Amino acid sequence: MASLVERLRVRSDRKPMYKLDESDDETDTMPGKSGTKKQEIEKIVRTDVKDDSCQACGGDSNLLYCETCNYAYHPKCLVPPLKAPLPSRWSCPECVSPLNDIDKILDCEMRPTIAEDQDASKLGSKQVFVKQYLVKWKGLSYLHCTWVPEKEFVKAYKAYPRLKTKVNNFHRQMSSVTNSEDEYIAIRPEWTTVDRILACRGDGEEKEYLVKWKELR
């Protein structure tokens, strides 16, 4: 009697049960052949757009254009700022809230910011103090923490309900720290100090280092 392995090696004469579906089109995967054309998504037209200029600062060079609307930004003007290599497909903060990439909220305080034109005319100044949160972003170190105005959180609550829970949890923790005698430090200096370098990649000025920060795993 043939062993089980030998029997499995024998090719069966049975035809495969799989049948090609109408959606299985060779032209979809074969290079050089045009398959089914993807439907082009019509961009959102925002009336307050700054034509060929950054929505944040008004500059007109090295712009990153939103894929889903007619806004454009400088990578450095975004929160958090985008660094090279830039994504080939990107949606602006008005279309996709960057606050979905929050790792944790570290602090909250009233901080100066540039006032909108209507506010500046009332106050006679271009600078106002608004409530802001110090945010650590997913995948970025404490060196890249940024202050985000509270109004940006309020705008994102509807799309990201869990964000409001994160903010409420932060305020609960802050109240417990305030009531204790322990000194609260949002970012310890050690967290931004290199403990050791683990690896390196790239050449010349494009080198990147994988580092381990002090007191952090």
C-alpha atoms as a PDB file:
ATOM      1  CA  MET A   1       0.000   0.000   0.000  1.00  0.00           C
ATOM      2  CA  ALA A   2       1.376   3.376  -1.009  1.00  0.00           C
ATOM      3  CA  SER A   3       2.186   5.722   1.770  1.00  0.00           C
ATOM      4  CA  LEU A   4       0.071   8.797   2.401  1.00  0.00           C
ATOM      5  CA  VAL A   5       2.864  11.075   1.129  1.00  0.00           C
ATOM      6  CA  GLU A   6       3.131   9.122  -2.140  1.00  0.00           C
ATOM      7  CA  ARG A   7      -0.628   9.253  -2.659  1.00  0.00           C
ATOM      8  CA  LEU A   8      -0.656  13.025  -2.117  1.00  0.00           C
ATOM      9  CA  ARG A   9       2.050  13.388  -4.752  1.00  0.00           C
ATOM     10  CA  VAL A  10      -0.184  11.824  -7.430  1.00  0.00           C
ATOM     11  CA  ARG A  11      -1.862  14.530  -9.509  1.00  0.00           C
ATOM     12  CA  SER A  12      -5.599  14.208  -9.493  1.00  0.00           C
ATOM     13  CA  ASP A  13      -7.611  14.154 -12.744  1.00  0.00           C
ATOM     14  CA  ARG A  14     -10.389  16.159 -11.124  1.00  0.00           C
ATOM     15  CA  LYS A  15     -10.921  19.602 -12.544  1.00  0.00           C
ATOM     16  CA  PRO A  16     -10.561  22.564 -10.176  1.00  0.00           C
ATOM     17  CA  MET A  17     -13.780  23.743  -8.606  1.00  0.00           C
ATOM     18  CA  TYR A  18     -12.842  27.438  -8.973  1.00  0.00           C
ATOM     19  CA  LYS A  19     -14.498  29.238 -11.864  1.00  0.00           C
ATOM     20  CA  LEU A  20     -13.606  32.618 -13.225  1.00  0.00           C
ATOM     21  CA  ASP A  21     -15.950  35.344 -12.161  1.00  0.00           C
ATOM     22  CA  GLU A  22     -16.912  38.189 -14.472  1.00  0.00           C
ATOM     23  CA  SER A  23     -14.832  40.491 -12.259  1.00  0.00           C
ATOM     24  CA  ASP A  24     -11.688  38.395 -12.889  1.00  0.00           C
ATOM     25  CA  ASP A  25     -10.248  40.319 -15.782  1.00  0.00           C
ATOM     26  CA  GLU A  26      -6.705  39.715 -16.944  1.00  0.00           C
ATOM     27  CA  THR A  27      -6.409  43.322 -18.058  1.00  0.00           C
ATOM     28  CA  ASP A  28      -6.687  44.507 -14.447  1.00  0.00           C
ATOM     29  CA  THR A  29      -3.309  43.024 -13.586  1.00  0.00           C
ATOM     30  CA  MET A  30      -1.468  42.814 -16.900  1.00  0.00           C
ATOM     31  CA  PRO A  31       0.913  45.727 -17.497  1.00  0.00           C
ATOM     32  CA  GLY A  32       0.408  47.764 -20.635  1.00  0.00           C
ATOM     33  CA  LYS A  33      -3.288  46.955 -20.858  1.00  0.00           C
ATOM     34  CA  SER A  34      -6.004  49.306 -19.801  1.00  0.00           C
ATOM     35  CA  GLY A  35      -8.386  47.761 -17.306  1.00  0.00           C
ATOM     36  CA  THR A  36     -11.440  49.216 -15.691  1.00  0.00           C
ATOM     37  CA  LYS A  37     -10.954  52.920 -15.137  1.00  0.00           C
ATOM     38  CA  LYS A  38     -11.203  54.103 -11.558  1.00  0.00           C
ATOM     39  CA  GLN A  39     -13.882  56.670 -10.929  1.00  0.00           C
ATOM     40  CA  GLU A  40     -12.357  60.043 -10.254  1.00  0.00           C
ATOM     41  CA  ILE A  41     -13.529  61.554  -6.990  1.00  0.00           C
ATOM     42  CA  GLU A  42     -14.700  65.129  -7.388  1.00  0.00           C
ATOM     43  CA  LYS A  43     -12.772  67.463  -5.111  1.00  0.00           C
ATOM     44  CA  ILE A  44     -14.499  69.538  -2.444  1.00  0.00           C
ATOM     45  CA  VAL A  45     -14.440  73.190  -3.482  1.00  0.00           C
ATOM     46  CA  ARG A  46     -13.872  75.401  -0.433  1.00  0.00           C
ATOM     47  CA  THR A  47     -14.823  79.043  -0.946  1.00  0.00           C
ATOM     48  CA  ASP A  48     -12.174  80.444   1.416  1.00  0.00           C
ATOM     49  CA  VAL A  49      -9.277  78.844  -0.461  1.00  0.00           C
ATOM     50  CA  LYS A  50      -6.107  80.882  -0.984  1.00  0.00           C
ATOM     51  CA  ASP A  51      -5.328  80.236  -4.649  1.00  0.00           C
ATOM     52  CA  ASP A  52      -1.915  78.598  -5.066  1.00  0.00           C
ATOM     53  CA  SER A  53      -1.002  79.649  -1.529  1.00  0.00           C
ATOM     54  CA  CYS A  54      -0.612  77.985   1.862  1.00  0.00           C
ATOM     55  CA  GLN A  55      -3.836  78.136   3.884  1.00  0.00           C
ATOM     56  CA  ALA A  56      -1.823  78.718   7.059  1.00  0.00           C
ATOM     57  CA  CYS A  57       0.796  81.338   6.127  1.00  0.00           C
ATOM     58  CA  GLY A  58      -0.111  82.507   2.616  1.00  0.00           C
ATOM     59  CA  GLY A  59       3.223  81.501   1.084  1.00  0.00           C
ATOM     60  CA  ASP A  60       3.249  80.261  -2.505  1.00  0.00           C
ATOM     61  CA  SER A  61       6.228  77.900  -2.788  1.00  0.00           C
ATOM     62  CA  ASN A  62       6.766  74.167  -2.149  1.00  0.00           C
ATOM     63  CA  LEU A  63       3.072  73.534  -1.532  1.00  0.00           C
ATOM     64  CA  LEU A  64       1.450  70.215  -0.674  1.00  0.00           C
ATOM     65  CA  TYR A  65      -1.977  69.950  -2.324  1.00  0.00           C
ATOM     66  CA  CYS A  66      -4.890  68.141  -0.679  1.00  0.00           C
ATOM     67  CA  GLU A  67      -6.215  65.151  -2.572  1.00  0.00           C
ATOM     68  CA  THR A  68      -9.837  65.633  -1.519  1.00  0.00           C
ATOM     69  CA  CYS A  69     -10.285  69.424  -1.598  1.00  0.00           C
ATOM     70  CA  ASN A  70      -8.680  72.538  -3.129  1.00  0.00           C
ATOM     71  CA  TYR A  71      -6.598  73.496  -0.072  1.00  0.00           C
ATOM     72  CA  ALA A  72      -2.778  73.577  -0.081  1.00  0.00           C
ATOM     73  CA  TYR A  73      -0.276  73.802   2.776  1.00  0.00           C
ATOM     74  CA  HIS A  74       3.428  74.002   3.422  1.00  0.00           C
ATOM     75  CA  PRO A  75       4.554  70.735   5.065  1.00  0.00           C
ATOM     76  CA  LYS A  76       6.114  72.800   7.891  1.00  0.00           C
ATOM     77  CA  CYS A  77       2.815  74.638   8.555  1.00  0.00           C
ATOM     78  CA  LEU A  78       0.906  71.444   9.371  1.00  0.00           C
ATOM     79  CA  VAL A  79       0.289  70.060  12.857  1.00  0.00           C
ATOM     80  CA  PRO A  80       2.392  68.031  13.258  1.00  0.00           C
ATOM     81  CA  PRO A  81       4.786  69.264  10.521  1.00  0.00           C
ATOM     82  CA  LEU A  82       5.381  66.801   7.684  1.00  0.00           C
ATOM     83  CA  LYS A  83       8.946  65.836   6.899  1.00  0.00           C
ATOM     84  CA  ALA A  84      10.512  64.214   3.841  1.00  0.00           C
ATOM     85  CA  PRO A  85       9.729  61.896   2.215  1.00  0.00           C
ATOM     86  CA  LEU A  86       6.342  63.534   1.629  1.00  0.00           C
ATOM     87  CA  PRO A  87       3.335  61.279   0.905  1.00  0.00           C
ATOM     88  CA  SER A  88       2.217  60.951  -2.705  1.00  0.00           C
ATOM     89  CA  ARG A  89      -1.428  61.071  -1.611  1.00  0.00           C
ATOM     90  CA  TRP A  90      -2.396  63.395   1.221  1.00  0.00           C
ATOM     91  CA  SER A  91      -5.528  64.987   2.696  1.00  0.00           C
ATOM     92  CA  CYS A  92      -5.472  68.285   4.570  1.00  0.00           C
ATOM     93  CA  PRO A  93      -6.546  68.773   8.231  1.00  0.00           C
ATOM     94  CA  GLU A  94      -9.963  70.031   7.095  1.00  0.00           C
ATOM     95  CA  CYS A  95     -10.643  66.697   5.375  1.00  0.00           C
ATOM     96  CA  VAL A  96      -8.871  64.327   7.786  1.00  0.00           C
ATOM     97  CA  SER A  97      -8.139  65.438  11.324  1.00  0.00           C
ATOM     98  CA  PRO A  98      -4.476  64.886  12.308  1.00  0.00           C
ATOM     99  CA  LEU A  99      -5.682  64.599  15.915  1.00  0.00           C
ATOM    100  CA  ASN A 100      -6.529  60.991  15.174  1.00  0.00           C
ATOM    101  CA  ASP A 101      -2.771  60.361  15.412  1.00  0.00           C
ATOM    102  CA  ILE A 102      -2.458  61.566  19.023  1.00  0.00           C
ATOM    103  CA  ASP A 103      -0.486  59.266  21.292  1.00  0.00           C
ATOM    104  CA  LYS A 104      -1.161  61.214  24.504  1.00  0.00           C
ATOM    105  CA  ILE A 105      -1.952  64.673  25.864  1.00  0.00           C
ATOM    106  CA  LEU A 106       0.791  65.940  28.162  1.00  0.00           C
ATOM    107  CA  ASP A 107      -0.227  69.421  29.306  1.00  0.00           C
ATOM    108  CA  CYS A 108      -2.751  72.224  28.910  1.00  0.00           C
ATOM    109  CA  GLU A 109      -2.382  75.992  29.346  1.00  0.00           C
ATOM    110  CA  MET A 110      -3.325  79.394  27.949  1.00  0.00           C
ATOM    111  CA  ARG A 111      -0.777  80.294  25.272  1.00  0.00           C
ATOM    112  CA  PRO A 112      -0.337  83.160  22.793  1.00  0.00           C
ATOM    113  CA  THR A 113      -1.362  82.606  19.182  1.00  0.00           C
ATOM    114  CA  ILE A 114      -2.019  84.665  16.066  1.00  0.00           C
ATOM    115  CA  ALA A 115      -5.519  86.122  16.120  1.00  0.00           C
ATOM    116  CA  GLU A 116      -7.906  85.948  13.208  1.00  0.00           C
ATOM    117  CA  ASP A 117      -8.591  89.249  11.434  1.00  0.00           C
ATOM    118  CA  GLN A 118     -12.007  89.738  13.048  1.00  0.00           C
ATOM    119  CA  ASP A 119     -10.634  89.067  16.537  1.00  0.00           C
ATOM    120  CA  ALA A 120      -7.647  91.323  15.964  1.00  0.00           C
ATOM    121  CA  SER A 121      -9.871  94.237  14.958  1.00  0.00           C
ATOM    122  CA  LYS A 122     -11.788  93.932  18.236  1.00  0.00           C
ATOM    123  CA  LEU A 123      -8.747  93.534  20.462  1.00  0.00           C
ATOM    124  CA  GLY A 124      -6.425  95.883  18.573  1.00  0.00           C
ATOM    125  CA  SER A 125      -3.726  93.203  18.530  1.00  0.00           C
ATOM    126  CA  LYS A 126      -2.654  90.348  16.292  1.00  0.00           C
ATOM    127  CA  GLN A 127      -1.918  88.125  19.306  1.00  0.00           C
ATOM    128  CA  VAL A 128      -4.417  86.507  21.657  1.00  0.00           C
ATOM    129  CA  PHE A 129      -4.181  83.876  24.410  1.00  0.00           C
ATOM    130  CA  VAL A 130      -6.109  80.662  23.809  1.00  0.00           C
ATOM    131  CA  LYS A 131      -6.338  77.315  25.554  1.00  0.00           C
ATOM    132  CA  GLN A 132      -3.902  74.831  24.008  1.00  0.00           C
ATOM    133  CA  TYR A 133      -2.938  71.197  24.600  1.00  0.00           C
ATOM    134  CA  LEU A 134       0.588  69.837  24.434  1.00  0.00           C
ATOM    135  CA  VAL A 135       0.341  66.724  22.265  1.00  0.00           C
ATOM    136  CA  LYS A 136       2.669  63.775  21.688  1.00  0.00           C
ATOM    137  CA  TRP A 137       2.090  62.168  18.286  1.00  0.00           C
ATOM    138  CA  LYS A 138       2.122  58.472  17.451  1.00  0.00           C
ATOM    139  CA  GLY A 139       5.431  57.346  15.981  1.00  0.00           C
ATOM    140  CA  LEU A 140       7.223  60.592  16.922  1.00  0.00           C
ATOM    141  CA  SER A 141       9.483  61.327  19.877  1.00  0.00           C
ATOM    142  CA  TYR A 142       8.928  63.906  22.620  1.00  0.00           C
ATOM    143  CA  LEU A 143      11.122  66.269  20.589  1.00  0.00           C
ATOM    144  CA  HIS A 144       8.237  66.629  18.137  1.00  0.00           C
ATOM    145  CA  CYS A 145       5.501  67.438  20.669  1.00  0.00           C
ATOM    146  CA  THR A 146       3.385  70.432  19.616  1.00  0.00           C
ATOM    147  CA  TRP A 147       0.795  72.775  21.119  1.00  0.00           C
ATOM    148  CA  VAL A 148      -2.644  72.406  19.527  1.00  0.00           C
ATOM    149  CA  PRO A 149      -5.456  74.957  20.102  1.00  0.00           C
ATOM    150  CA  GLU A 150      -8.577  73.661  21.824  1.00  0.00           C
ATOM    151  CA  LYS A 151     -10.757  74.697  18.860  1.00  0.00           C
ATOM    152  CA  GLU A 152      -9.020  72.041  16.734  1.00  0.00           C
ATOM    153  CA  PHE A 153     -10.110  69.404  19.258  1.00  0.00           C
ATOM    154  CA  VAL A 154     -13.690  70.684  19.266  1.00  0.00           C
ATOM    155  CA  LYS A 155     -13.832  70.457  15.466  1.00  0.00           C
ATOM    156  CA  ALA A 156     -12.592  66.840  15.573  1.00  0.00           C
ATOM    157  CA  TYR A 157     -14.942  65.579  18.323  1.00  0.00           C
ATOM    158  CA  LYS A 158     -17.762  64.712  15.905  1.00  0.00           C
ATOM    159  CA  ALA A 159     -15.573  62.589  13.636  1.00  0.00           C
ATOM    160  CA  TYR A 160     -13.526  61.080  16.494  1.00  0.00           C
ATOM    161  CA  PRO A 161     -15.686  60.624  19.637  1.00  0.00           C
ATOM    162  CA  ARG A 162     -12.835  58.830  21.430  1.00  0.00           C
ATOM    163  CA  LEU A 163     -10.805  62.031  21.251  1.00  0.00           C
ATOM    164  CA  LYS A 164     -13.184  63.711  23.700  1.00  0.00           C
ATOM    165  CA  THR A 165     -12.758  60.752  26.058  1.00  0.00           C
ATOM    166  CA  LYS A 166      -8.980  61.171  25.807  1.00  0.00           C
ATOM    167  CA  VAL A 167      -9.278  64.870  26.704  1.00  0.00           C
ATOM    168  CA  ASN A 168     -11.606  64.131  29.651  1.00  0.00           C
ATOM    169  CA  ASN A 169      -9.217  61.464  30.949  1.00  0.00           C
ATOM    170  CA  PHE A 170      -6.357  63.946  30.706  1.00  0.00           C
ATOM    171  CA  HIS A 171      -8.220  66.569  32.775  1.00  0.00           C
ATOM    172  CA  ARG A 172      -9.078  63.914  35.365  1.00  0.00           C
ATOM    173  CA  GLN A 173      -5.419  62.970  35.691  1.00  0.00           C
ATOM    174  CA  MET A 174      -4.381  66.616  35.859  1.00  0.00           C
ATOM    175  CA  SER A 175      -6.806  67.334  38.682  1.00  0.00           C
ATOM    176  CA  SER A 176      -5.411  64.438  40.712  1.00  0.00           C
ATOM    177  CA  VAL A 177      -1.844  65.654  40.117  1.00  0.00           C
ATOM    178  CA  THR A 178      -2.779  69.227  41.076  1.00  0.00           C
ATOM    179  CA  ASN A 179      -4.253  68.021  44.345  1.00  0.00           C
ATOM    180  CA  SER A 180      -1.101  66.122  45.251  1.00  0.00           C
ATOM    181  CA  GLU A 181       2.210  67.567  46.387  1.00  0.00           C
ATOM    182  CA  ASP A 182       4.157  66.014  43.518  1.00  0.00           C
ATOM    183  CA  GLU A 183       5.637  68.445  41.029  1.00  0.00           C
ATOM    184  CA  TYR A 184       4.159  67.901  37.581  1.00  0.00           C
ATOM    185  CA  ILE A 185       6.527  67.934  34.578  1.00  0.00           C
ATOM    186  CA  ALA A 186       4.938  67.455  31.158  1.00  0.00           C
ATOM    187  CA  ILE A 187       8.157  66.375  29.421  1.00  0.00           C
ATOM    188  CA  ARG A 188      11.120  65.232  31.462  1.00  0.00           C
ATOM    189  CA  PRO A 189      14.492  66.398  30.025  1.00  0.00           C
ATOM    190  CA  GLU A 190      15.691  62.787  30.015  1.00  0.00           C
ATOM    191  CA  TRP A 191      12.998  61.839  27.464  1.00  0.00           C
ATOM    192  CA  THR A 192      14.661  64.097  24.878  1.00  0.00           C
ATOM    193  CA  THR A 193      18.218  62.977  25.700  1.00  0.00           C
ATOM    194  CA  VAL A 194      19.790  60.219  23.607  1.00  0.00           C
ATOM    195  CA  ASP A 195      20.756  57.182  25.700  1.00  0.00           C
ATOM    196  CA  ARG A 196      22.385  55.250  22.845  1.00  0.00           C
ATOM    197  CA  ILE A 197      22.288  54.896  19.070  1.00  0.00           C
ATOM    198  CA  LEU A 198      20.972  51.528  17.906  1.00  0.00           C
ATOM    199  CA  ALA A 199      21.212  51.761  14.108  1.00  0.00           C
ATOM    200  CA  CYS A 200      21.857  54.078  11.164  1.00  0.00           C
ATOM    201  CA  ARG A 201      20.524  54.214   7.611  1.00  0.00           C
ATOM    202  CA  GLY A 202      20.936  56.476   4.576  1.00  0.00           C
ATOM    203  CA  ASP A 203      23.909  58.330   3.147  1.00  0.00           C
ATOM    204  CA  GLY A 204      25.345  61.830   3.447  1.00  0.00           C
ATOM    205  CA  GLU A 205      22.964  64.447   4.805  1.00  0.00           C
ATOM    206  CA  GLU A 206      20.026  62.005   4.500  1.00  0.00           C
ATOM    207  CA  LYS A 207      21.256  59.800   7.338  1.00  0.00           C
ATOM    208  CA  GLU A 208      18.735  58.712   9.960  1.00  0.00           C
ATOM    209  CA  TYR A 209      19.567  57.281  13.384  1.00  0.00           C
ATOM    210  CA  LEU A 210      17.512  54.893  15.455  1.00  0.00           C
ATOM    211  CA  VAL A 211      17.996  56.055  19.031  1.00  0.00           C
ATOM    212  CA  LYS A 212      16.926  54.938  22.484  1.00  0.00           C
ATOM    213  CA  TRP A 213      15.937  57.838  24.728  1.00  0.00           C
ATOM    214  CA  LYS A 214      16.763  57.927  28.428  1.00  0.00           C
ATOM    215  CA  GLU A 215      14.112  56.559  30.814  1.00  0.00           C
ATOM    216  CA  LEU A 216      12.009  55.345  27.860  1.00  0.00           C
ATOM    217  CA  ARG A 217      11.666  51.811  26.573  1.00  0.00           C
END
